[in-house]
Amino acid sequence: MLKHLEKRRQKNEEEGFTLIELMVVVLIMGILMAIAIPTFLSTRGSANDASAKSNATNAFTNEKSYYSSNVAFITASGSEDNGPSLDSTLPWGTPSSTNGTVAAYAFADPTSGTTDNAVVIEASSQSGHCFYIADVEGASSSTVAYAATASTCVSGTTAEGLVPTSSPAVNSTSGIQSGALTSSTTWDASW
């Protein structure tokens, strides 16, 4: 028995895979990657947008809290401009036109001359989208509206005058709009 095992070990009967078998495996892997990669990229874009919405919502919550204590909103962008004093965990900064920059920015009194109690909050996503929350506190009512664009944030004082003047109706075609935020941008009751 031992002689037989030793003879078999010395015979070296190693066999590999055929070229056809290897090609079938590569084809199957290619099909799986063709299905998985677009799904991954779409999920990653949705996650980036959800993160930006979360940043905007958190900045909005902080602004509302500040407003309830001081009866005024505060401009908040980066370390030089009140951002960390509202919430040090948010990525404060002026959203840049460079795709991939994540930032939250709050511009107080964007409708100067009209009201002193308004704020526009912008949050950029790594997917290149920008999400906005506008709040106008009037003497008898307040307006909170949302917008989203498939382009970079307008940032800073260029958001002046873009706050909606009346409560937005729920827009049946709401979603991410193409182009930059303008005075004709549709503000919605939610994203």
N, C-alpha and C. Protein backbone atom coordinates (compact mmCIF):
# COMPACT_ATOMS: atom_id res chain seq x y z
N MET A 1 0.82 -1.19 0.00
CA MET A 1 0.00 0.00 0.00
C MET A 1 0.87 1.25 0.00
N LEU A 2 1.94 1.22 0.85
CA LEU A 2 2.81 2.38 0.91
C LEU A 2 3.55 2.58 -0.41
N LYS A 3 3.93 1.48 -1.04
CA LYS A 3 4.61 1.60 -2.33
C LYS A 3 3.68 2.24 -3.36
N HIS A 4 2.43 1.86 -3.32
CA HIS A 4 1.46 2.41 -4.27
C HIS A 4 1.28 3.93 -4.06
N LEU A 5 1.20 4.37 -2.81
CA LEU A 5 1.04 5.80 -2.51
C LEU A 5 2.29 6.59 -2.92
N GLU A 6 3.46 6.00 -2.66
CA GLU A 6 4.69 6.68 -3.02
C GLU A 6 4.82 6.80 -4.53
N LYS A 7 4.43 5.76 -5.27
CA LYS A 7 4.47 5.76 -6.72
C LYS A 7 3.50 6.82 -7.27
N ARG A 8 2.34 6.92 -6.66
CA ARG A 8 1.33 7.89 -7.10
C ARG A 8 1.81 9.33 -6.84
N ARG A 9 2.52 9.52 -5.72
CA ARG A 9 3.02 10.84 -5.39
C ARG A 9 4.13 11.25 -6.36
N GLN A 10 4.92 10.34 -6.78
CA GLN A 10 6.01 10.62 -7.70
C GLN A 10 5.51 10.82 -9.12
N LYS A 11 4.35 10.31 -9.49
CA LYS A 11 3.83 10.38 -10.84
C LYS A 11 3.50 11.82 -11.24
N ASN A 12 3.18 12.70 -10.27
CA ASN A 12 2.91 14.11 -10.50
C ASN A 12 1.74 14.30 -11.47
N GLU A 13 0.57 13.96 -11.02
CA GLU A 13 -0.63 14.04 -11.86
C GLU A 13 -1.36 15.37 -11.66
N GLU A 14 -0.67 16.47 -11.75
CA GLU A 14 -1.32 17.77 -11.59
C GLU A 14 -1.96 18.15 -12.91
N GLU A 15 -3.21 18.61 -12.83
CA GLU A 15 -3.91 19.08 -14.01
C GLU A 15 -4.45 20.46 -13.71
N GLY A 16 -4.45 21.34 -14.71
CA GLY A 16 -4.95 22.69 -14.54
C GLY A 16 -6.32 22.83 -15.19
N PHE A 17 -6.80 24.08 -15.20
CA PHE A 17 -8.07 24.37 -15.84
C PHE A 17 -7.84 24.59 -17.33
N THR A 18 -8.82 24.28 -18.11
CA THR A 18 -8.70 24.52 -19.55
C THR A 18 -8.99 25.99 -19.84
N LEU A 19 -8.61 26.42 -21.01
CA LEU A 19 -8.82 27.81 -21.41
C LEU A 19 -10.32 28.14 -21.44
N ILE A 20 -11.13 27.24 -21.88
CA ILE A 20 -12.58 27.45 -21.93
C ILE A 20 -13.13 27.65 -20.52
N GLU A 21 -12.71 26.84 -19.58
CA GLU A 21 -13.18 26.99 -18.21
C GLU A 21 -12.79 28.36 -17.63
N LEU A 22 -11.58 28.79 -17.89
CA LEU A 22 -11.13 30.10 -17.41
C LEU A 22 -11.93 31.23 -18.06
N MET A 23 -12.21 31.10 -19.34
CA MET A 23 -12.98 32.14 -20.04
C MET A 23 -14.41 32.21 -19.51
N VAL A 24 -15.00 31.09 -19.17
CA VAL A 24 -16.36 31.09 -18.61
C VAL A 24 -16.37 31.80 -17.26
N VAL A 25 -15.36 31.56 -16.44
CA VAL A 25 -15.27 32.21 -15.13
C VAL A 25 -15.12 33.72 -15.32
N VAL A 26 -14.27 34.16 -16.24
CA VAL A 26 -14.07 35.59 -16.49
C VAL A 26 -15.37 36.21 -17.02
N LEU A 27 -16.09 35.51 -17.88
CA LEU A 27 -17.37 36.00 -18.40
C LEU A 27 -18.39 36.18 -17.28
N ILE A 28 -18.49 35.23 -16.40
CA ILE A 28 -19.42 35.32 -15.27
C ILE A 28 -19.05 36.49 -14.36
N MET A 29 -17.76 36.67 -14.10
CA MET A 29 -17.32 37.80 -13.27
C MET A 29 -17.65 39.12 -13.95
N GLY A 30 -17.47 39.21 -15.26
CA GLY A 30 -17.80 40.43 -16.01
C GLY A 30 -19.28 40.76 -15.93
N ILE A 31 -20.13 39.77 -16.05
CA ILE A 31 -21.57 39.98 -15.95
C ILE A 31 -21.94 40.47 -14.55
N LEU A 32 -21.39 39.87 -13.54
CA LEU A 32 -21.68 40.29 -12.16
C LEU A 32 -21.21 41.73 -11.92
N MET A 33 -20.04 42.09 -12.45
CA MET A 33 -19.54 43.45 -12.27
C MET A 33 -20.41 44.44 -13.04
N ALA A 34 -20.89 44.07 -14.23
CA ALA A 34 -21.75 44.96 -15.01
C ALA A 34 -23.05 45.26 -14.28
N ILE A 35 -23.49 44.34 -13.47
CA ILE A 35 -24.72 44.54 -12.68
C ILE A 35 -24.40 45.31 -11.40
N ALA A 36 -23.31 44.98 -10.75
CA ALA A 36 -23.01 45.54 -9.42
C ALA A 36 -22.48 46.97 -9.46
N ILE A 37 -21.66 47.33 -10.43
CA ILE A 37 -21.03 48.65 -10.44
C ILE A 37 -22.05 49.78 -10.58
N PRO A 38 -22.98 49.74 -11.54
CA PRO A 38 -23.98 50.83 -11.60
C PRO A 38 -24.83 50.93 -10.33
N THR A 39 -25.16 49.79 -9.76
CA THR A 39 -25.94 49.81 -8.51
C THR A 39 -25.14 50.46 -7.40
N PHE A 40 -23.87 50.13 -7.31
CA PHE A 40 -23.00 50.74 -6.31
C PHE A 40 -22.90 52.24 -6.50
N LEU A 41 -22.68 52.69 -7.74
CA LEU A 41 -22.53 54.11 -8.01
C LEU A 41 -23.82 54.87 -7.70
N SER A 42 -24.95 54.28 -8.04
CA SER A 42 -26.23 54.93 -7.75
C SER A 42 -26.47 55.02 -6.25
N THR A 43 -26.13 53.98 -5.54
CA THR A 43 -26.28 53.98 -4.09
C THR A 43 -25.35 54.99 -3.45
N ARG A 44 -24.14 55.10 -3.96
CA ARG A 44 -23.19 56.05 -3.42
C ARG A 44 -23.68 57.49 -3.63
N GLY A 45 -24.24 57.78 -4.82
CA GLY A 45 -24.78 59.11 -5.08
C GLY A 45 -25.94 59.44 -4.16
N SER A 46 -26.81 58.48 -3.93
CA SER A 46 -27.94 58.68 -3.02
C SER A 46 -27.45 58.91 -1.59
N ALA A 47 -26.43 58.18 -1.19
CA ALA A 47 -25.88 58.36 0.16
C ALA A 47 -25.24 59.74 0.31
N ASN A 48 -24.54 60.22 -0.71
CA ASN A 48 -23.95 61.56 -0.66
C ASN A 48 -25.04 62.62 -0.55
N ASP A 49 -26.12 62.45 -1.33
CA ASP A 49 -27.23 63.41 -1.27
C ASP A 49 -27.91 63.38 0.09
N ALA A 50 -28.09 62.19 0.66
CA ALA A 50 -28.71 62.08 1.98
C ALA A 50 -27.84 62.75 3.04
N SER A 51 -26.54 62.63 2.91
CA SER A 51 -25.63 63.29 3.85
C SER A 51 -25.75 64.80 3.75
N ALA A 52 -25.82 65.34 2.53
CA ALA A 52 -25.96 66.78 2.35
C ALA A 52 -27.30 67.27 2.91
N LYS A 53 -28.37 66.51 2.69
CA LYS A 53 -29.68 66.88 3.24
C LYS A 53 -29.62 66.88 4.77
N SER A 54 -28.93 65.91 5.32
CA SER A 54 -28.79 65.84 6.78
C SER A 54 -28.02 67.05 7.30
N ASN A 55 -26.94 67.44 6.61
CA ASN A 55 -26.18 68.62 7.01
C ASN A 55 -27.05 69.87 6.96
N ALA A 56 -27.85 70.01 5.89
CA ALA A 56 -28.73 71.18 5.77
C ALA A 56 -29.77 71.19 6.88
N THR A 57 -30.35 70.03 7.16
CA THR A 57 -31.36 69.94 8.20
C THR A 57 -30.77 70.26 9.58
N ASN A 58 -29.58 69.76 9.84
CA ASN A 58 -28.93 70.06 11.13
C ASN A 58 -28.59 71.54 11.25
N ALA A 59 -28.10 72.14 10.16
CA ALA A 59 -27.81 73.58 10.17
C ALA A 59 -29.11 74.37 10.38
N PHE A 60 -30.19 73.93 9.74
CA PHE A 60 -31.48 74.59 9.89
C PHE A 60 -31.98 74.50 11.34
N THR A 61 -31.84 73.33 11.94
CA THR A 61 -32.24 73.15 13.34
C THR A 61 -31.45 74.08 14.24
N ASN A 62 -30.15 74.19 14.00
CA ASN A 62 -29.31 75.09 14.79
C ASN A 62 -29.71 76.55 14.59
N GLU A 63 -30.02 76.92 13.35
CA GLU A 63 -30.46 78.30 13.08
C GLU A 63 -31.79 78.60 13.78
N LYS A 64 -32.72 77.64 13.75
CA LYS A 64 -34.02 77.85 14.42
C LYS A 64 -33.82 77.99 15.92
N SER A 65 -32.92 77.21 16.48
CA SER A 65 -32.63 77.30 17.90
C SER A 65 -32.04 78.67 18.23
N TYR A 66 -31.11 79.12 17.40
CA TYR A 66 -30.51 80.44 17.61
C TYR A 66 -31.58 81.52 17.48
N TYR A 67 -32.46 81.36 16.50
CA TYR A 67 -33.52 82.35 16.28
C TYR A 67 -34.47 82.42 17.49
N SER A 68 -34.80 81.27 18.05
CA SER A 68 -35.72 81.27 19.20
C SER A 68 -35.13 81.98 20.41
N SER A 69 -33.80 81.99 20.52
CA SER A 69 -33.16 82.68 21.63
C SER A 69 -32.86 84.15 21.35
N ASN A 70 -32.60 84.49 20.09
CA ASN A 70 -32.12 85.83 19.75
C ASN A 70 -33.04 86.63 18.83
N VAL A 71 -34.12 86.05 18.36
CA VAL A 71 -35.06 86.66 17.43
C VAL A 71 -34.32 87.21 16.20
N ALA A 72 -33.34 86.49 15.74
CA ALA A 72 -32.60 86.82 14.52
C ALA A 72 -31.82 85.58 14.10
N PHE A 73 -31.59 85.46 12.81
CA PHE A 73 -30.74 84.39 12.30
C PHE A 73 -29.31 84.89 12.27
N ILE A 74 -28.37 83.97 12.09
CA ILE A 74 -26.95 84.33 12.08
C ILE A 74 -26.30 83.68 10.86
N THR A 75 -25.44 84.45 10.19
CA THR A 75 -24.68 83.89 9.08
C THR A 75 -23.64 82.93 9.64
N ALA A 76 -23.57 81.76 9.07
CA ALA A 76 -22.64 80.74 9.56
C ALA A 76 -22.02 80.03 8.37
N SER A 77 -20.71 80.10 8.28
CA SER A 77 -20.06 79.38 7.19
C SER A 77 -18.89 78.56 7.71
N GLY A 78 -17.81 79.19 8.06
CA GLY A 78 -16.64 78.43 8.49
C GLY A 78 -16.16 78.86 9.85
N SER A 79 -14.93 78.50 10.15
CA SER A 79 -14.38 78.82 11.46
C SER A 79 -14.32 80.31 11.70
N GLU A 80 -14.27 81.11 10.62
CA GLU A 80 -14.20 82.55 10.77
C GLU A 80 -15.58 83.18 10.92
N ASP A 81 -16.64 82.41 10.75
CA ASP A 81 -17.95 83.03 10.68
C ASP A 81 -19.04 82.21 11.39
N ASN A 82 -18.98 82.04 12.67
CA ASN A 82 -20.04 81.51 13.52
C ASN A 82 -20.46 80.06 13.31
N GLY A 83 -19.98 79.39 12.30
CA GLY A 83 -20.41 78.01 12.06
C GLY A 83 -20.18 77.09 13.25
N PRO A 84 -18.94 76.98 13.73
CA PRO A 84 -18.67 76.08 14.84
C PRO A 84 -19.41 76.45 16.12
N SER A 85 -19.76 77.73 16.29
CA SER A 85 -20.49 78.10 17.50
C SER A 85 -21.92 77.56 17.46
N LEU A 86 -22.47 77.37 16.27
CA LEU A 86 -23.80 76.76 16.15
C LEU A 86 -23.72 75.25 16.31
N ASP A 87 -22.80 74.62 15.59
CA ASP A 87 -22.63 73.17 15.65
C ASP A 87 -21.24 72.83 15.11
N SER A 88 -20.37 72.43 15.98
CA SER A 88 -18.98 72.17 15.58
C SER A 88 -18.82 70.87 14.79
N THR A 89 -19.86 70.05 14.73
CA THR A 89 -19.75 68.78 14.01
C THR A 89 -20.09 68.89 12.53
N LEU A 90 -20.68 70.01 12.11
CA LEU A 90 -21.05 70.17 10.71
C LEU A 90 -19.85 70.63 9.88
N PRO A 91 -19.81 70.25 8.59
CA PRO A 91 -18.71 70.69 7.72
C PRO A 91 -18.98 72.10 7.20
N TRP A 92 -18.84 73.10 8.06
CA TRP A 92 -19.12 74.48 7.67
C TRP A 92 -18.11 74.95 6.64
N GLY A 93 -18.56 75.79 5.77
CA GLY A 93 -17.69 76.38 4.76
C GLY A 93 -18.53 76.84 3.60
N THR A 94 -17.97 77.67 2.76
CA THR A 94 -18.70 78.12 1.59
C THR A 94 -18.65 77.02 0.55
N PRO A 95 -19.81 76.51 0.13
CA PRO A 95 -19.79 75.47 -0.90
C PRO A 95 -19.08 75.97 -2.14
N SER A 96 -18.18 75.18 -2.63
CA SER A 96 -17.35 75.60 -3.75
C SER A 96 -17.92 75.05 -5.05
N SER A 97 -17.48 75.61 -6.15
CA SER A 97 -17.90 75.11 -7.45
C SER A 97 -17.16 73.82 -7.80
N THR A 98 -16.19 73.46 -6.99
CA THR A 98 -15.45 72.23 -7.22
C THR A 98 -16.28 71.04 -6.78
N ASN A 99 -16.54 70.14 -7.68
CA ASN A 99 -17.34 68.95 -7.35
C ASN A 99 -16.61 68.15 -6.27
N GLY A 100 -17.34 67.69 -5.30
CA GLY A 100 -16.76 66.88 -4.26
C GLY A 100 -16.55 67.63 -2.96
N THR A 101 -16.74 68.95 -2.95
CA THR A 101 -16.58 69.71 -1.72
C THR A 101 -17.88 69.64 -0.93
N VAL A 102 -17.80 69.15 0.29
CA VAL A 102 -18.98 69.06 1.14
C VAL A 102 -18.96 70.22 2.10
N ALA A 103 -20.03 70.98 2.14
CA ALA A 103 -20.07 72.13 3.04
C ALA A 103 -21.51 72.50 3.36
N ALA A 104 -21.68 73.09 4.51
CA ALA A 104 -22.97 73.66 4.90
C ALA A 104 -22.75 75.14 5.09
N TYR A 105 -23.68 75.95 4.63
CA TYR A 105 -23.54 77.40 4.69
C TYR A 105 -24.89 78.00 5.02
N ALA A 106 -24.93 78.92 5.95
CA ALA A 106 -26.18 79.60 6.30
C ALA A 106 -25.99 81.09 6.08
N PHE A 107 -26.81 81.66 5.23
CA PHE A 107 -26.71 83.08 4.94
C PHE A 107 -27.93 83.78 5.51
N ALA A 108 -27.73 84.55 6.57
CA ALA A 108 -28.83 85.23 7.25
C ALA A 108 -29.19 86.50 6.52
N ASP A 109 -30.47 86.88 6.60
CA ASP A 109 -31.01 88.09 6.00
C ASP A 109 -30.74 88.15 4.50
N PRO A 110 -31.12 87.11 3.75
CA PRO A 110 -30.84 87.11 2.32
C PRO A 110 -31.75 88.04 1.52
N THR A 111 -32.80 88.52 2.12
CA THR A 111 -33.71 89.42 1.41
C THR A 111 -33.63 90.79 2.05
N SER A 112 -32.43 91.35 2.14
CA SER A 112 -32.26 92.61 2.85
C SER A 112 -33.16 93.67 2.23
N GLY A 113 -33.75 94.45 3.09
CA GLY A 113 -34.72 95.45 2.68
C GLY A 113 -36.14 94.93 2.78
N THR A 114 -36.31 93.62 2.74
CA THR A 114 -37.64 93.03 2.82
C THR A 114 -37.93 92.53 4.22
N THR A 115 -36.98 91.81 4.77
CA THR A 115 -37.14 91.26 6.11
C THR A 115 -35.79 91.06 6.75
N ASP A 116 -35.74 91.16 8.05
CA ASP A 116 -34.50 90.89 8.76
C ASP A 116 -34.48 89.49 9.36
N ASN A 117 -35.54 88.77 9.16
CA ASN A 117 -35.65 87.46 9.79
C ASN A 117 -35.75 86.36 8.75
N ALA A 118 -34.72 86.22 7.94
CA ALA A 118 -34.70 85.20 6.91
C ALA A 118 -33.32 84.55 6.86
N VAL A 119 -33.30 83.30 6.44
CA VAL A 119 -32.04 82.58 6.29
C VAL A 119 -32.16 81.61 5.13
N VAL A 120 -31.08 81.47 4.37
CA VAL A 120 -30.98 80.44 3.33
C VAL A 120 -29.84 79.53 3.74
N ILE A 121 -30.11 78.24 3.80
CA ILE A 121 -29.08 77.26 4.15
C ILE A 121 -28.78 76.44 2.91
N GLU A 122 -27.50 76.30 2.60
CA GLU A 122 -27.06 75.53 1.45
C GLU A 122 -26.19 74.38 1.95
N ALA A 123 -26.34 73.24 1.33
CA ALA A 123 -25.46 72.12 1.64
C ALA A 123 -25.11 71.43 0.33
N SER A 124 -23.81 71.31 0.07
CA SER A 124 -23.38 70.67 -1.17
C SER A 124 -23.11 69.20 -0.94
N SER A 125 -23.34 68.43 -1.98
CA SER A 125 -23.14 66.99 -1.94
C SER A 125 -21.92 66.63 -2.78
N GLN A 126 -21.27 65.53 -2.45
CA GLN A 126 -20.14 65.08 -3.25
C GLN A 126 -20.57 64.65 -4.64
N SER A 127 -21.86 64.43 -4.83
CA SER A 127 -22.35 64.05 -6.16
C SER A 127 -22.57 65.27 -7.04
N GLY A 128 -22.31 66.48 -6.53
CA GLY A 128 -22.45 67.68 -7.32
C GLY A 128 -23.79 68.38 -7.19
N HIS A 129 -24.68 67.88 -6.35
CA HIS A 129 -25.98 68.50 -6.14
C HIS A 129 -25.91 69.48 -4.98
N CYS A 130 -26.86 70.41 -4.95
CA CYS A 130 -26.92 71.36 -3.85
C CYS A 130 -28.34 71.37 -3.29
N PHE A 131 -28.44 71.39 -1.98
CA PHE A 131 -29.74 71.37 -1.30
C PHE A 131 -29.90 72.63 -0.48
N TYR A 132 -31.09 73.23 -0.54
CA TYR A 132 -31.37 74.50 0.11
C TYR A 132 -32.55 74.37 1.05
N ILE A 133 -32.48 75.10 2.14
CA ILE A 133 -33.64 75.31 3.02
C ILE A 133 -33.71 76.82 3.23
N ALA A 134 -34.89 77.38 3.03
CA ALA A 134 -35.10 78.81 3.25
C ALA A 134 -36.14 78.95 4.35
N ASP A 135 -35.92 79.91 5.23
CA ASP A 135 -36.87 80.19 6.30
C ASP A 135 -37.06 81.70 6.38
N VAL A 136 -38.28 82.13 6.28
CA VAL A 136 -38.61 83.55 6.44
C VAL A 136 -39.59 83.64 7.59
N GLU A 137 -39.18 84.33 8.64
CA GLU A 137 -40.03 84.52 9.82
C GLU A 137 -40.71 85.88 9.72
N GLY A 138 -42.00 85.85 9.52
CA GLY A 138 -42.77 87.10 9.45
C GLY A 138 -43.44 87.39 10.78
N ALA A 139 -44.10 88.53 10.83
CA ALA A 139 -44.78 88.92 12.07
C ALA A 139 -45.94 87.99 12.38
N SER A 140 -46.64 87.53 11.34
CA SER A 140 -47.81 86.69 11.61
C SER A 140 -47.63 85.25 11.18
N SER A 141 -46.65 84.97 10.34
CA SER A 141 -46.46 83.59 9.89
C SER A 141 -45.00 83.37 9.49
N SER A 142 -44.68 82.11 9.31
CA SER A 142 -43.32 81.80 8.84
C SER A 142 -43.43 80.89 7.63
N THR A 143 -42.43 80.96 6.78
CA THR A 143 -42.37 80.15 5.58
C THR A 143 -41.08 79.34 5.61
N VAL A 144 -41.20 78.05 5.46
CA VAL A 144 -40.03 77.18 5.33
C VAL A 144 -40.19 76.47 4.00
N ALA A 145 -39.15 76.54 3.17
CA ALA A 145 -39.22 75.95 1.83
C ALA A 145 -37.92 75.25 1.50
N TYR A 146 -38.00 74.32 0.57
CA TYR A 146 -36.86 73.49 0.20
C TYR A 146 -36.66 73.54 -1.32
N ALA A 147 -35.41 73.45 -1.73
CA ALA A 147 -35.08 73.35 -3.15
C ALA A 147 -33.83 72.49 -3.30
N ALA A 148 -33.70 71.90 -4.46
CA ALA A 148 -32.51 71.10 -4.75
C ALA A 148 -32.15 71.31 -6.21
N THR A 149 -30.87 71.46 -6.49
CA THR A 149 -30.43 71.64 -7.86
C THR A 149 -29.36 70.61 -8.21
N ALA A 150 -29.28 70.31 -9.49
CA ALA A 150 -28.29 69.37 -9.99
C ALA A 150 -27.00 70.09 -10.35
N SER A 151 -26.81 71.26 -9.80
CA SER A 151 -25.59 72.02 -10.07
C SER A 151 -25.00 72.47 -8.74
N THR A 152 -23.88 73.15 -8.80
CA THR A 152 -23.21 73.59 -7.59
C THR A 152 -24.01 74.67 -6.88
N CYS A 153 -23.73 74.87 -5.62
CA CYS A 153 -24.42 75.87 -4.81
C CYS A 153 -24.07 77.27 -5.29
N VAL A 154 -25.04 78.19 -5.16
CA VAL A 154 -24.79 79.57 -5.55
C VAL A 154 -23.97 80.29 -4.50
N SER A 155 -24.04 79.88 -3.28
CA SER A 155 -23.28 80.34 -2.12
C SER A 155 -23.24 81.83 -1.87
N GLY A 156 -23.25 82.11 -0.60
CA GLY A 156 -23.05 83.47 -0.12
C GLY A 156 -24.11 84.46 -0.53
N THR A 157 -23.69 85.67 -0.75
CA THR A 157 -24.63 86.75 -1.01
C THR A 157 -25.34 86.62 -2.34
N THR A 158 -24.89 85.70 -3.21
CA THR A 158 -25.62 85.50 -4.46
C THR A 158 -26.96 84.82 -4.21
N ALA A 159 -27.17 84.30 -3.00
CA ALA A 159 -28.47 83.73 -2.64
C ALA A 159 -29.47 84.82 -2.26
N GLU A 160 -29.01 86.06 -2.20
CA GLU A 160 -29.88 87.17 -1.81
C GLU A 160 -31.07 87.28 -2.75
N GLY A 161 -32.24 87.41 -2.19
CA GLY A 161 -33.44 87.57 -2.99
C GLY A 161 -34.06 86.28 -3.47
N LEU A 162 -33.47 85.14 -3.14
CA LEU A 162 -34.00 83.88 -3.63
C LEU A 162 -34.96 83.22 -2.66
N VAL A 163 -35.16 83.81 -1.52
CA VAL A 163 -36.07 83.23 -0.53
C VAL A 163 -37.50 83.36 -1.04
N PRO A 164 -38.30 82.31 -0.93
CA PRO A 164 -39.69 82.40 -1.38
C PRO A 164 -40.45 83.40 -0.53
N THR A 165 -41.38 84.10 -1.14
CA THR A 165 -42.13 85.13 -0.42
C THR A 165 -43.43 84.61 0.16
N SER A 166 -43.86 83.43 -0.23
CA SER A 166 -45.07 82.86 0.33
C SER A 166 -44.87 81.37 0.55
N SER A 167 -45.75 80.78 1.33
CA SER A 167 -45.60 79.35 1.62
C SER A 167 -45.68 78.55 0.33
N PRO A 168 -44.76 77.62 0.13
CA PRO A 168 -44.78 76.85 -1.11
C PRO A 168 -45.88 75.81 -1.11
N ALA A 169 -46.46 75.61 -2.24
CA ALA A 169 -47.41 74.52 -2.40
C ALA A 169 -46.60 73.26 -2.66
N VAL A 170 -47.16 72.12 -2.33
CA VAL A 170 -46.46 70.87 -2.60
C VAL A 170 -46.41 70.70 -4.11
N ASN A 171 -45.22 70.58 -4.62
CA ASN A 171 -45.01 70.48 -6.06
C ASN A 171 -45.01 69.01 -6.46
N SER A 172 -45.89 68.63 -7.37
CA SER A 172 -45.99 67.22 -7.75
C SER A 172 -44.76 66.77 -8.53
N THR A 173 -44.02 67.69 -9.09
CA THR A 173 -42.82 67.32 -9.84
C THR A 173 -41.55 67.64 -9.05
N SER A 174 -41.67 67.65 -7.73
CA SER A 174 -40.50 68.00 -6.93
C SER A 174 -39.40 66.98 -7.12
N GLY A 175 -38.22 67.41 -6.87
CA GLY A 175 -37.04 66.58 -7.04
C GLY A 175 -35.89 67.49 -7.38
N ILE A 176 -34.81 66.91 -7.80
CA ILE A 176 -33.64 67.72 -8.11
C ILE A 176 -33.86 68.40 -9.46
N GLN A 177 -33.75 69.71 -9.45
CA GLN A 177 -33.97 70.50 -10.66
C GLN A 177 -32.65 70.71 -11.36
N SER A 178 -32.71 70.90 -12.66
CA SER A 178 -31.47 71.16 -13.39
C SER A 178 -31.14 72.63 -13.30
N GLY A 179 -29.87 72.95 -13.42
CA GLY A 179 -29.46 74.34 -13.40
C GLY A 179 -29.28 74.89 -12.01
N ALA A 180 -28.78 76.10 -11.94
CA ALA A 180 -28.51 76.75 -10.66
C ALA A 180 -29.79 77.32 -10.07
N LEU A 181 -29.75 77.58 -8.79
CA LEU A 181 -30.87 78.20 -8.09
C LEU A 181 -31.02 79.62 -8.61
N THR A 182 -32.21 79.98 -9.02
CA THR A 182 -32.50 81.33 -9.50
C THR A 182 -33.79 81.81 -8.86
N SER A 183 -34.16 83.05 -9.14
CA SER A 183 -35.39 83.57 -8.57
C SER A 183 -36.62 82.84 -9.09
N SER A 184 -36.49 82.13 -10.22
CA SER A 184 -37.63 81.37 -10.74
C SER A 184 -37.61 79.92 -10.28
N THR A 185 -36.64 79.55 -9.44
CA THR A 185 -36.57 78.17 -8.94
C THR A 185 -37.81 77.85 -8.13
N THR A 186 -38.32 76.66 -8.33
CA THR A 186 -39.50 76.23 -7.59
C THR A 186 -39.07 75.79 -6.20
N TRP A 187 -39.66 76.45 -5.21
CA TRP A 187 -39.43 76.07 -3.81
C TRP A 187 -40.57 75.13 -3.44
N ASP A 188 -40.25 74.07 -2.73
CA ASP A 188 -41.22 73.05 -2.38
C ASP A 188 -41.41 72.95 -0.87
N ALA A 189 -42.45 72.23 -0.48
CA ALA A 189 -42.72 72.02 0.95
C ALA A 189 -41.79 70.96 1.54
N SER A 190 -41.10 70.21 0.70
CA SER A 190 -40.11 69.22 1.15
C SER A 190 -39.22 68.88 -0.03
N TRP A 191 -38.16 68.09 0.23
CA TRP A 191 -37.30 67.66 -0.88
C TRP A 191 -37.94 66.53 -1.61
